[in-house]
PDB file of N, CA and C in Angstrom:
ATOM      1  N   MET A   1     -18.485  -8.573  25.929  1.00  0.00           N
ATOM      2  CA  MET A   1     -19.243  -8.362  27.145  1.00  0.00           C
ATOM      3  C   MET A   1     -19.148  -6.908  27.597  1.00  0.00           C
ATOM      4  N   GLU A   2     -17.980  -6.327  27.442  1.00  0.00           N
ATOM      5  CA  GLU A   2     -17.826  -4.936  27.867  1.00  0.00           C
ATOM      6  C   GLU A   2     -18.691  -3.987  27.036  1.00  0.00           C
ATOM      7  N   LEU A   3     -18.900  -4.317  25.776  1.00  0.00           N
ATOM      8  CA  LEU A   3     -19.788  -3.504  24.946  1.00  0.00           C
ATOM      9  C   LEU A   3     -21.215  -3.522  25.493  1.00  0.00           C
ATOM     10  N   LEU A   4     -21.644  -4.650  26.032  1.00  0.00           N
ATOM     11  CA  LEU A   4     -22.984  -4.745  26.614  1.00  0.00           C
ATOM     12  C   LEU A   4     -23.117  -3.836  27.827  1.00  0.00           C
ATOM     13  N   VAL A   5     -22.045  -3.733  28.620  1.00  0.00           N
ATOM     14  CA  VAL A   5     -22.060  -2.810  29.759  1.00  0.00           C
ATOM     15  C   VAL A   5     -22.122  -1.378  29.238  1.00  0.00           C
ATOM     16  N   ASP A   6     -21.297  -1.061  28.241  1.00  0.00           N
ATOM     17  CA  ASP A   6     -21.279   0.287  27.673  1.00  0.00           C
ATOM     18  C   ASP A   6     -22.644   0.700  27.130  1.00  0.00           C
ATOM     19  N   GLU A   7     -23.352  -0.252  26.535  1.00  0.00           N
ATOM     20  CA  GLU A   7     -24.664   0.031  25.949  1.00  0.00           C
ATOM     21  C   GLU A   7     -25.794  -0.011  26.981  1.00  0.00           C
ATOM     22  N   GLY A   8     -25.457  -0.362  28.209  1.00  0.00           N
ATOM     23  CA  GLY A   8     -26.458  -0.408  29.271  1.00  0.00           C
ATOM     24  C   GLY A   8     -27.342  -1.636  29.236  1.00  0.00           C
ATOM     25  N   LEU A   9     -26.952  -2.650  28.483  1.00  0.00           N
ATOM     26  CA  LEU A   9     -27.760  -3.865  28.382  1.00  0.00           C
ATOM     27  C   LEU A   9     -27.535  -4.817  29.550  1.00  0.00           C
ATOM     28  N   VAL A  10     -26.383  -4.725  30.191  1.00  0.00           N
ATOM     29  CA  VAL A  10     -26.087  -5.485  31.408  1.00  0.00           C
ATOM     30  C   VAL A  10     -25.437  -4.541  32.405  1.00  0.00           C
ATOM     31  N   LYS A  11     -25.596  -4.854  33.688  1.00  0.00           N
ATOM     32  CA  LYS A  11     -25.032  -3.979  34.719  1.00  0.00           C
ATOM     33  C   LYS A  11     -23.582  -4.306  35.028  1.00  0.00           C
ATOM     34  N   SER A  12     -23.229  -5.577  34.948  1.00  0.00           N
ATOM     35  CA  SER A  12     -21.872  -5.971  35.324  1.00  0.00           C
ATOM     36  C   SER A  12     -21.484  -7.271  34.639  1.00  0.00           C
ATOM     37  N   ILE A  13     -20.211  -7.605  34.787  1.00  0.00           N
ATOM     38  CA  ILE A  13     -19.648  -8.802  34.150  1.00  0.00           C
ATOM     39  C   ILE A  13     -19.195  -9.760  35.243  1.00  0.00           C
ATOM     40  N   GLY A  14     -19.417 -11.039  35.025  1.00  0.00           N
ATOM     41  CA  GLY A  14     -18.973 -12.059  35.957  1.00  0.00           C
ATOM     42  C   GLY A  14     -18.109 -13.087  35.268  1.00  0.00           C
ATOM     43  N   LEU A  15     -17.396 -13.837  36.089  1.00  0.00           N
ATOM     44  CA  LEU A  15     -16.516 -14.906  35.604  1.00  0.00           C
ATOM     45  C   LEU A  15     -16.993 -16.226  36.183  1.00  0.00           C
ATOM     46  N   SER A  16     -16.522 -17.310  35.613  1.00  0.00           N
ATOM     47  CA  SER A  16     -16.845 -18.629  36.137  1.00  0.00           C
ATOM     48  C   SER A  16     -15.604 -19.516  36.055  1.00  0.00           C
ATOM     49  N   ASN A  17     -15.218 -20.044  37.200  1.00  0.00           N
ATOM     50  CA  ASN A  17     -14.090 -20.975  37.306  1.00  0.00           C
ATOM     51  C   ASN A  17     -12.752 -20.363  36.892  1.00  0.00           C
ATOM     52  N   PHE A  18     -12.557 -19.088  37.151  1.00  0.00           N
ATOM     53  CA  PHE A  18     -11.273 -18.446  36.861  1.00  0.00           C
ATOM     54  C   PHE A  18     -10.366 -18.553  38.082  1.00  0.00           C
ATOM     55  N   ASN A  19      -9.096 -18.840  37.850  1.00  0.00           N
ATOM     56  CA  ASN A  19      -8.121 -18.862  38.940  1.00  0.00           C
ATOM     57  C   ASN A  19      -7.421 -17.507  39.025  1.00  0.00           C
ATOM     58  N   GLU A  20      -6.501 -17.369  39.976  1.00  0.00           N
ATOM     59  CA  GLU A  20      -5.837 -16.081  40.197  1.00  0.00           C
ATOM     60  C   GLU A  20      -5.100 -15.585  38.955  1.00  0.00           C
ATOM     61  N   GLU A  21      -4.399 -16.465  38.301  1.00  0.00           N
ATOM     62  CA  GLU A  21      -3.629 -16.073  37.114  1.00  0.00           C
ATOM     63  C   GLU A  21      -4.546 -15.581  35.998  1.00  0.00           C
ATOM     64  N   GLN A  22      -5.634 -16.271  35.781  1.00  0.00           N
ATOM     65  CA  GLN A  22      -6.577 -15.872  34.733  1.00  0.00           C
ATOM     66  C   GLN A  22      -7.241 -14.537  35.063  1.00  0.00           C
ATOM     67  N   ILE A  23      -7.603 -14.351  36.326  1.00  0.00           N
ATOM     68  CA  ILE A  23      -8.220 -13.084  36.728  1.00  0.00           C
ATOM     69  C   ILE A  23      -7.224 -11.943  36.571  1.00  0.00           C
ATOM     70  N   GLU A  24      -5.980 -12.174  36.929  1.00  0.00           N
ATOM     71  CA  GLU A  24      -4.947 -11.140  36.798  1.00  0.00           C
ATOM     72  C   GLU A  24      -4.815 -10.691  35.344  1.00  0.00           C
ATOM     73  N   ARG A  25      -4.841 -11.639  34.429  1.00  0.00           N
ATOM     74  CA  ARG A  25      -4.757 -11.289  33.003  1.00  0.00           C
ATOM     75  C   ARG A  25      -5.960 -10.455  32.571  1.00  0.00           C
ATOM     76  N   ILE A  26      -7.136 -10.812  33.058  1.00  0.00           N
ATOM     77  CA  ILE A  26      -8.344 -10.050  32.739  1.00  0.00           C
ATOM     78  C   ILE A  26      -8.223  -8.625  33.291  1.00  0.00           C
ATOM     79  N   LEU A  27      -7.771  -8.500  34.533  1.00  0.00           N
ATOM     80  CA  LEU A  27      -7.679  -7.186  35.169  1.00  0.00           C
ATOM     81  C   LEU A  27      -6.702  -6.258  34.451  1.00  0.00           C
ATOM     82  N   GLN A  28      -5.703  -6.830  33.808  1.00  0.00           N
ATOM     83  CA  GLN A  28      -4.712  -6.015  33.096  1.00  0.00           C
ATOM     84  C   GLN A  28      -5.278  -5.397  31.813  1.00  0.00           C
ATOM     85  N   ILE A  29      -6.285  -6.007  31.228  1.00  0.00           N
ATOM     86  CA  ILE A  29      -6.766  -5.534  29.924  1.00  0.00           C
ATOM     87  C   ILE A  29      -8.213  -5.044  29.929  1.00  0.00           C
ATOM     88  N   CYS A  30      -8.919  -5.246  31.028  1.00  0.00           N
ATOM     89  CA  CYS A  30     -10.361  -4.948  31.008  1.00  0.00           C
ATOM     90  C   CYS A  30     -10.656  -3.466  31.168  1.00  0.00           C
ATOM     91  N   LYS A  31     -11.777  -3.093  30.617  1.00  0.00           N
ATOM     92  CA  LYS A  31     -12.309  -1.745  30.785  1.00  0.00           C
ATOM     93  C   LYS A  31     -13.261  -1.730  31.980  1.00  0.00           C
ATOM     94  N   HIS A  32     -14.032  -2.806  32.131  1.00  0.00           N
ATOM     95  CA  HIS A  32     -14.967  -2.971  33.239  1.00  0.00           C
ATOM     96  C   HIS A  32     -14.543  -4.199  34.046  1.00  0.00           C
ATOM     97  N   LYS A  33     -14.169  -3.979  35.283  1.00  0.00           N
ATOM     98  CA  LYS A  33     -13.703  -5.068  36.141  1.00  0.00           C
ATOM     99  C   LYS A  33     -14.846  -6.036  36.440  1.00  0.00           C
ATOM    100  N   PRO A  34     -14.578  -7.347  36.399  1.00  0.00           N
ATOM    101  CA  PRO A  34     -15.620  -8.306  36.775  1.00  0.00           C
ATOM    102  C   PRO A  34     -15.977  -8.135  38.255  1.00  0.00           C
ATOM    103  N   VAL A  35     -17.244  -8.356  38.577  1.00  0.00           N
ATOM    104  CA  VAL A  35     -17.677  -8.175  39.963  1.00  0.00           C
ATOM    105  C   VAL A  35     -17.844  -9.493  40.710  1.00  0.00           C
ATOM    106  N   VAL A  36     -17.900 -10.602  39.995  1.00  0.00           N
ATOM    107  CA  VAL A  36     -18.118 -11.888  40.650  1.00  0.00           C
ATOM    108  C   VAL A  36     -17.373 -12.990  39.894  1.00  0.00           C
ATOM    109  N   ASN A  37     -16.943 -14.009  40.647  1.00  0.00           N
ATOM    110  CA  ASN A  37     -16.338 -15.203  40.070  1.00  0.00           C
ATOM    111  C   ASN A  37     -17.032 -16.397  40.716  1.00  0.00           C
ATOM    112  N   GLN A  38     -17.728 -17.184  39.925  1.00  0.00           N
ATOM    113  CA  GLN A  38     -18.433 -18.353  40.432  1.00  0.00           C
ATOM    114  C   GLN A  38     -17.506 -19.559  40.350  1.00  0.00           C
ATOM    115  N   VAL A  39     -17.236 -20.156  41.506  1.00  0.00           N
ATOM    116  CA  VAL A  39     -16.318 -21.298  41.573  1.00  0.00           C
ATOM    117  C   VAL A  39     -16.856 -22.339  42.551  1.00  0.00           C
ATOM    118  N   GLU A  40     -16.293 -23.521  42.476  1.00  0.00           N
ATOM    119  CA  GLU A  40     -16.660 -24.578  43.419  1.00  0.00           C
ATOM    120  C   GLU A  40     -15.966 -24.305  44.750  1.00  0.00           C
ATOM    121  N   ILE A  41     -16.754 -24.052  45.771  1.00  0.00           N
ATOM    122  CA  ILE A  41     -16.226 -23.836  47.121  1.00  0.00           C
ATOM    123  C   ILE A  41     -17.088 -24.635  48.086  1.00  0.00           C
ATOM    124  N   HIS A  42     -16.435 -25.416  48.933  1.00  0.00           N
ATOM    125  CA  HIS A  42     -17.110 -26.167  49.987  1.00  0.00           C
ATOM    126  C   HIS A  42     -16.046 -26.644  50.964  1.00  0.00           C
ATOM    127  N   PRO A  43     -16.422 -27.281  52.054  1.00  0.00           N
ATOM    128  CA  PRO A  43     -15.431 -27.663  53.071  1.00  0.00           C
ATOM    129  C   PRO A  43     -14.275 -28.522  52.551  1.00  0.00           C
ATOM    130  N   TYR A  44     -14.502 -29.278  51.487  1.00  0.00           N
ATOM    131  CA  TYR A  44     -13.437 -30.121  50.943  1.00  0.00           C
ATOM    132  C   TYR A  44     -12.610 -29.401  49.877  1.00  0.00           C
ATOM    133  N   CYS A  45     -13.049 -28.232  49.481  1.00  0.00           N
ATOM    134  CA  CYS A  45     -12.362 -27.438  48.453  1.00  0.00           C
ATOM    135  C   CYS A  45     -12.551 -25.955  48.795  1.00  0.00           C
ATOM    136  N   PRO A  46     -11.886 -25.469  49.860  1.00  0.00           N
ATOM    137  CA  PRO A  46     -12.164 -24.122  50.354  1.00  0.00           C
ATOM    138  C   PRO A  46     -11.642 -22.974  49.492  1.00  0.00           C
ATOM    139  N   GLN A  47     -10.638 -23.191  48.665  1.00  0.00           N
ATOM    140  CA  GLN A  47     -10.099 -22.167  47.760  1.00  0.00           C
ATOM    141  C   GLN A  47      -9.714 -20.881  48.507  1.00  0.00           C
ATOM    142  N   LEU A  48      -8.969 -21.021  49.580  1.00  0.00           N
ATOM    143  CA  LEU A  48      -8.631 -19.890  50.437  1.00  0.00           C
ATOM    144  C   LEU A  48      -7.756 -18.852  49.732  1.00  0.00           C
ATOM    145  N   GLU A  49      -6.805 -19.298  48.925  1.00  0.00           N
ATOM    146  CA  GLU A  49      -5.944 -18.357  48.209  1.00  0.00           C
ATOM    147  C   GLU A  49      -6.747 -17.541  47.197  1.00  0.00           C
ATOM    148  N   LEU A  50      -7.659 -18.193  46.513  1.00  0.00           N
ATOM    149  CA  LEU A  50      -8.514 -17.494  45.557  1.00  0.00           C
ATOM    150  C   LEU A  50      -9.415 -16.501  46.282  1.00  0.00           C
ATOM    151  N   GLU A  51      -9.929 -16.887  47.435  1.00  0.00           N
ATOM    152  CA  GLU A  51     -10.773 -15.982  48.218  1.00  0.00           C
ATOM    153  C   GLU A  51      -9.998 -14.730  48.621  1.00  0.00           C
ATOM    154  N   THR A  52      -8.773 -14.907  49.087  1.00  0.00           N
ATOM    155  CA  THR A  52      -7.933 -13.771  49.471  1.00  0.00           C
ATOM    156  C   THR A  52      -7.654 -12.874  48.280  1.00  0.00           C
ATOM    157  N   PHE A  53      -7.317 -13.470  47.155  1.00  0.00           N
ATOM    158  CA  PHE A  53      -7.033 -12.712  45.934  1.00  0.00           C
ATOM    159  C   PHE A  53      -8.257 -11.896  45.513  1.00  0.00           C
ATOM    160  N   CYS A  54      -9.409 -12.532  45.514  1.00  0.00           N
ATOM    161  CA  CYS A  54     -10.631 -11.843  45.079  1.00  0.00           C
ATOM    162  C   CYS A  54     -11.011 -10.722  46.040  1.00  0.00           C
ATOM    163  N   LYS A  55     -10.839 -10.932  47.335  1.00  0.00           N
ATOM    164  CA  LYS A  55     -11.122  -9.863  48.295  1.00  0.00           C
ATOM    165  C   LYS A  55     -10.208  -8.670  48.037  1.00  0.00           C
ATOM    166  N   LYS A  56      -8.942  -8.943  47.757  1.00  0.00           N
ATOM    167  CA  LYS A  56      -7.978  -7.881  47.480  1.00  0.00           C
ATOM    168  C   LYS A  56      -8.417  -7.040  46.284  1.00  0.00           C
ATOM    169  N   HIS A  57      -9.020  -7.680  45.295  1.00  0.00           N
ATOM    170  CA  HIS A  57      -9.431  -6.997  44.069  1.00  0.00           C
ATOM    171  C   HIS A  57     -10.928  -6.667  44.047  1.00  0.00           C
ATOM    172  N   GLN A  58     -11.580  -6.812  45.187  1.00  0.00           N
ATOM    173  CA  GLN A  58     -13.001  -6.505  45.330  1.00  0.00           C
ATOM    174  C   GLN A  58     -13.863  -7.239  44.306  1.00  0.00           C
ATOM    175  N   ILE A  59     -13.584  -8.534  44.179  1.00  0.00           N
ATOM    176  CA  ILE A  59     -14.382  -9.421  43.330  1.00  0.00           C
ATOM    177  C   ILE A  59     -15.076 -10.418  44.259  1.00  0.00           C
ATOM    178  N   LEU A  60     -16.385 -10.503  44.161  1.00  0.00           N
ATOM    179  CA  LEU A  60     -17.141 -11.428  44.997  1.00  0.00           C
ATOM    180  C   LEU A  60     -16.960 -12.858  44.507  1.00  0.00           C
ATOM    181  N   LEU A  61     -16.946 -13.793  45.443  1.00  0.00           N
ATOM    182  CA  LEU A  61     -16.954 -15.205  45.079  1.00  0.00           C
ATOM    183  C   LEU A  61     -18.357 -15.743  45.293  1.00  0.00           C
ATOM    184  N   GLN A  62     -18.827 -16.480  44.317  1.00  0.00           N
ATOM    185  CA  GLN A  62     -20.113 -17.146  44.436  1.00  0.00           C
ATOM    186  C   GLN A  62     -19.844 -18.635  44.381  1.00  0.00           C
ATOM    187  N   ALA A  63     -20.322 -19.356  45.383  1.00  0.00           N
ATOM    188  CA  ALA A  63     -20.065 -20.790  45.459  1.00  0.00           C
ATOM    189  C   ALA A  63     -21.124 -21.575  44.704  1.00  0.00           C
ATOM    190  N   TYR A  64     -20.655 -22.530  43.915  1.00  0.00           N
ATOM    191  CA  TYR A  64     -21.585 -23.560  43.476  1.00  0.00           C
ATOM    192  C   TYR A  64     -21.150 -24.833  44.179  1.00  0.00           C
ATOM    193  N   ALA A  65     -22.063 -25.694  44.445  1.00  0.00           N
ATOM    194  CA  ALA A  65     -21.830 -26.913  45.221  1.00  0.00           C
ATOM    195  C   ALA A  65     -21.309 -26.578  46.623  1.00  0.00           C
ATOM    196  N   PRO A  66     -21.980 -25.653  47.365  1.00  0.00           N
ATOM    197  CA  PRO A  66     -21.469 -25.270  48.678  1.00  0.00           C
ATOM    198  C   PRO A  66     -21.481 -26.398  49.703  1.00  0.00           C
ATOM    199  N   LEU A  67     -22.245 -27.443  49.453  1.00  0.00           N
ATOM    200  CA  LEU A  67     -22.233 -28.598  50.353  1.00  0.00           C
ATOM    201  C   LEU A  67     -21.322 -29.702  49.835  1.00  0.00           C
ATOM    202  N   GLY A  68     -20.648 -29.457  48.737  1.00  0.00           N
ATOM    203  CA  GLY A  68     -19.736 -30.424  48.155  1.00  0.00           C
ATOM    204  C   GLY A  68     -20.273 -30.959  46.850  1.00  0.00           C
ATOM    205  N   SER A  69     -19.372 -31.208  45.924  1.00  0.00           N
ATOM    206  CA  SER A  69     -19.786 -31.777  44.646  1.00  0.00           C
ATOM    207  C   SER A  69     -20.161 -33.237  44.845  1.00  0.00           C
ATOM    208  N   SER A  70     -20.816 -33.795  43.878  1.00  0.00           N
ATOM    209  CA  SER A  70     -21.262 -35.186  44.002  1.00  0.00           C
ATOM    210  C   SER A  70     -20.087 -36.131  44.205  1.00  0.00           C
ATOM    211  N   PHE A  71     -18.933 -35.822  43.608  1.00  0.00           N
ATOM    212  CA  PHE A  71     -17.757 -36.680  43.796  1.00  0.00           C
ATOM    213  C   PHE A  71     -17.345 -36.713  45.259  1.00  0.00           C
ATOM    214  N   PHE A  72     -17.240 -35.545  45.884  1.00  0.00           N
ATOM    215  CA  PHE A  72     -16.809 -35.498  47.280  1.00  0.00           C
ATOM    216  C   PHE A  72     -17.847 -36.116  48.205  1.00  0.00           C
ATOM    217  N   ILE A  73     -19.116 -35.889  47.938  1.00  0.00           N
ATOM    218  CA  ILE A  73     -20.166 -36.479  48.770  1.00  0.00           C
ATOM    219  C   ILE A  73     -20.122 -37.995  48.648  1.00  0.00           C
ATOM    220  N   TYR A  74     -20.014 -38.506  47.417  1.00  0.00           N
ATOM    221  CA  TYR A  74     -19.938 -39.952  47.208  1.00  0.00           C
ATOM    222  C   TYR A  74     -18.707 -40.528  47.913  1.00  0.00           C
ATOM    223  N   PHE A  75     -17.558 -39.876  47.751  1.00  0.00           N
ATOM    224  CA  PHE A  75     -16.321 -40.348  48.358  1.00  0.00           C
ATOM    225  C   PHE A  75     -16.448 -40.387  49.877  1.00  0.00           C
ATOM    226  N   PHE A  76     -17.014 -39.332  50.476  1.00  0.00           N
ATOM    227  CA  PHE A  76     -17.173 -39.244  51.915  1.00  0.00           C
ATOM    228  C   PHE A  76     -18.112 -40.330  52.423  1.00  0.00           C
ATOM    229  N   VAL A  77     -19.261 -40.479  51.793  1.00  0.00           N
ATOM    230  CA  VAL A  77     -20.246 -41.478  52.217  1.00  0.00           C
ATOM    231  C   VAL A  77     -19.677 -42.881  52.030  1.00  0.00           C
ATOM    232  N   PHE A  78     -19.011 -43.140  50.913  1.00  0.00           N
ATOM    233  CA  PHE A  78     -18.445 -44.461  50.651  1.00  0.00           C
ATOM    234  C   PHE A  78     -17.409 -44.821  51.710  1.00  0.00           C
ATOM    235  N   ASN A  79     -16.552 -43.888  52.073  1.00  0.00           N
ATOM    236  CA  ASN A  79     -15.528 -44.142  53.087  1.00  0.00           C
ATOM    237  C   ASN A  79     -16.131 -44.334  54.466  1.00  0.00           C
ATOM    238  N   LEU A  80     -17.224 -43.651  54.771  1.00  0.00           N
ATOM    239  CA  LEU A  80     -17.883 -43.868  56.053  1.00  0.00           C
ATOM    240  C   LEU A  80     -18.430 -45.277  56.144  1.00  0.00           C
ATOM    241  N   LYS A  81     -19.031 -45.753  55.056  1.00  0.00           N
ATOM    242  CA  LYS A  81     -19.589 -47.110  55.046  1.00  0.00           C
ATOM    243  C   LYS A  81     -18.490 -48.147  55.208  1.00  0.00           C
ATOM    244  N   LYS A  82     -17.325 -47.892  54.608  1.00  0.00           N
ATOM    245  CA  LYS A  82     -16.213 -48.836  54.729  1.00  0.00           C
ATOM    246  C   LYS A  82     -15.718 -48.910  56.173  1.00  0.00           C
ATOM    247  N   CYS A  83     -15.783 -47.816  56.917  1.00  0.00           N
ATOM    248  CA  CYS A  83     -15.271 -47.788  58.274  1.00  0.00           C
ATOM    249  C   CYS A  83     -16.209 -48.444  59.262  1.00  0.00           C
ATOM    250  N   GLN A  84     -17.495 -48.575  58.936  1.00  0.00           N
ATOM    251  CA  GLN A  84     -18.458 -49.116  59.900  1.00  0.00           C
ATOM    252  C   GLN A  84     -18.479 -50.609  59.906  1.00  0.00           C
TER     253      GLN A  84
END
C-alpha cells in the first residue's frame, strides 16, 4: 500500500477494524501513517479508548453501523417486546 502512495496512485492509507495494539505496531514500521480507521461505533459500542488513542495519533475514526449493528438492534427490540 505504501508503494501506491509513493507512486501517487492513492493519496492515503486507511485501516479497518484495527485496535490500539495493532495500530501501534503499524505506526512503528510504517513509512506513511494511516489517516483513518473504520470500526464499529455506536451507542452500544462507543470504543472510547480507541477514539482517544486515534485522536492522540491524529488518525480519524470512521463509524460503520453508527445506529448499531443488526445484533444490537435485534437484541434491543427483542428485550423491549419482552418488557411490554
